[in-house]
C-alpha cells in the first residue's frame, strides 16, 4: 500500500506528475482486468465447445429495421417504418396539412 501522501505540500508540477502516474496506473489496471476477463470468457466458451469469436459472431447480428409502412408520395423509394424520428418528407407532409394515413403503403 502507498504511504499517505500529503497533497497540500506538493507543488503544481509534482501534482501534475502524480496525476499522470495515477492515470497510467488506472489504464494499466483496466487493461489487466480486461485481459483476465477475456481469458475467463475464452475458457468458458472452450468448455462448451466454442471459441469466443464464434460466440461473439453469433450474437453480433442485428435485427432488421422492420418493414416500411409509409412511402414518399413522389419518390416511393424513400420509405419509413413508422418507428423512430420522422423523416423530413413526413414532417413536411404533416406540416402542410397532410395526414399520415395518406402516406401508408397499401398492403
Protein backbone atom coordinates (compact mmCIF):
# COMPACT_ATOMS: atom_id res chain seq x y z
CA UNK A 1 0.00 0.00 0.00
CA UNK A 2 1.13 3.55 -0.60
CA UNK A 3 2.20 5.68 2.31
CA UNK A 4 -0.10 8.57 2.98
CA UNK A 5 0.73 11.44 0.60
CA UNK A 6 0.12 14.99 1.71
CA UNK A 7 -1.18 16.60 -1.47
CA UNK A 8 -1.19 20.05 0.10
CA UNK A 9 2.60 20.01 0.44
CA UNK A 10 3.08 19.30 -3.28
CA UNK A 11 3.57 21.99 -5.91
CA UNK A 12 1.75 22.11 -9.25
CA UNK A 13 4.46 20.22 -11.14
CA UNK A 14 4.51 17.42 -8.57
CA UNK A 15 0.72 17.18 -8.55
CA UNK A 16 0.61 17.06 -12.36
CA UNK A 17 3.23 14.31 -12.42
CA UNK A 18 1.34 12.35 -9.77
CA UNK A 19 -1.88 12.76 -11.74
CA UNK A 20 -0.20 11.40 -14.89
CA UNK A 21 1.18 8.43 -12.96
CA UNK A 22 -2.23 7.67 -11.43
CA UNK A 23 -3.94 7.90 -14.84
CA UNK A 24 -1.39 5.50 -16.34
CA UNK A 25 -1.75 3.11 -13.41
CA UNK A 26 -5.54 3.12 -13.82
CA UNK A 27 -5.26 2.44 -17.56
CA UNK A 28 -2.80 -0.39 -16.93
CA UNK A 29 -5.10 -1.84 -14.27
CA UNK A 30 -8.06 -1.69 -16.65
CA UNK A 31 -6.06 -3.42 -19.39
CA UNK A 32 -5.03 -6.21 -16.99
CA UNK A 33 -8.62 -6.72 -15.87
CA UNK A 34 -9.84 -6.91 -19.47
CA UNK A 35 -7.15 -9.48 -20.24
CA UNK A 36 -8.25 -11.60 -17.26
CA UNK A 37 -11.90 -11.30 -18.23
CA UNK A 38 -11.17 -12.26 -21.83
CA UNK A 39 -9.17 -15.32 -20.71
CA UNK A 40 -12.03 -16.39 -18.43
CA UNK A 41 -14.57 -15.91 -21.24
CA UNK A 42 -12.40 -17.88 -23.68
CA UNK A 43 -12.03 -20.72 -21.16
CA UNK A 44 -15.78 -20.85 -20.59
CA UNK A 45 -16.50 -20.81 -24.32
CA UNK A 46 -13.97 -23.61 -24.85
CA UNK A 47 -15.59 -25.60 -22.05
CA UNK A 48 -18.81 -25.52 -24.09
CA UNK A 49 -17.06 -26.43 -27.35
CA UNK A 50 -16.84 -22.99 -28.92
CA UNK A 51 -14.31 -20.29 -29.46
CA UNK A 52 -15.07 -16.85 -28.08
CA UNK A 53 -15.06 -15.38 -31.59
CA UNK A 54 -17.70 -17.92 -32.69
CA UNK A 55 -19.98 -16.86 -29.86
CA UNK A 56 -19.45 -13.16 -30.49
CA UNK A 57 -20.22 -13.55 -34.20
CA UNK A 58 -23.43 -15.42 -33.40
CA UNK A 59 -24.72 -12.65 -31.14
CA UNK A 60 -23.39 -9.76 -33.19
CA UNK A 61 -26.11 -9.90 -35.81
CA UNK A 62 -28.50 -7.01 -35.62
CA UNK A 63 -32.21 -7.30 -36.26
CA UNK A 64 -33.93 -5.72 -39.19
CA UNK A 65 -35.33 -2.24 -39.04
CA UNK A 66 -38.78 -3.58 -39.82
CA UNK A 67 -40.98 -3.44 -42.86
CA UNK A 68 -41.67 0.02 -44.27
CA UNK A 69 -45.18 1.29 -43.57
CA UNK A 70 -45.01 4.68 -45.26
CA UNK A 71 -43.60 5.88 -48.59
CA UNK A 72 -42.88 9.30 -50.07
CA UNK A 73 -45.76 10.11 -52.47
CA UNK A 74 -43.46 11.35 -55.27
CA UNK A 75 -40.47 9.08 -54.61
CA UNK A 76 -41.60 5.63 -53.39
CA UNK A 77 -38.00 4.55 -52.83
CA UNK A 78 -37.99 6.78 -49.73
CA UNK A 79 -39.74 4.79 -47.02
CA UNK A 80 -40.25 4.90 -43.26
CA UNK A 81 -41.11 2.07 -40.86
CA UNK A 82 -43.13 4.31 -38.58
CA UNK A 83 -40.58 3.90 -35.80
CA UNK A 84 -38.07 6.43 -34.61
CA UNK A 85 -37.75 10.01 -35.79
CA UNK A 86 -39.98 11.02 -38.67
CA UNK A 87 -38.10 11.70 -41.93
CA UNK A 88 -38.17 15.27 -43.20
CA UNK A 89 -40.52 14.37 -46.03
CA UNK A 90 -43.04 13.01 -43.49
CA UNK A 91 -42.69 16.14 -41.35
CA UNK A 92 -43.20 18.34 -44.43
CA UNK A 93 -46.29 16.40 -45.44
CA UNK A 94 -47.81 16.68 -41.96
CA UNK A 95 -46.94 20.38 -41.56
CA UNK A 96 -48.66 21.17 -44.87
CA UNK A 97 -51.89 19.69 -43.50
CA UNK A 98 -51.47 16.17 -44.83
CA UNK A 99 -52.44 13.04 -42.93
CA UNK A 100 -50.07 10.18 -42.10
CA UNK A 101 -52.56 7.67 -43.48
CA UNK A 102 -52.13 9.24 -46.92
CA UNK A 103 -48.51 8.04 -46.92
CA UNK A 104 -49.34 4.47 -45.88
CA UNK A 105 -48.11 1.73 -48.18
CA UNK A 106 -51.01 -0.41 -49.41
CA UNK A 107 -50.65 -3.96 -48.16
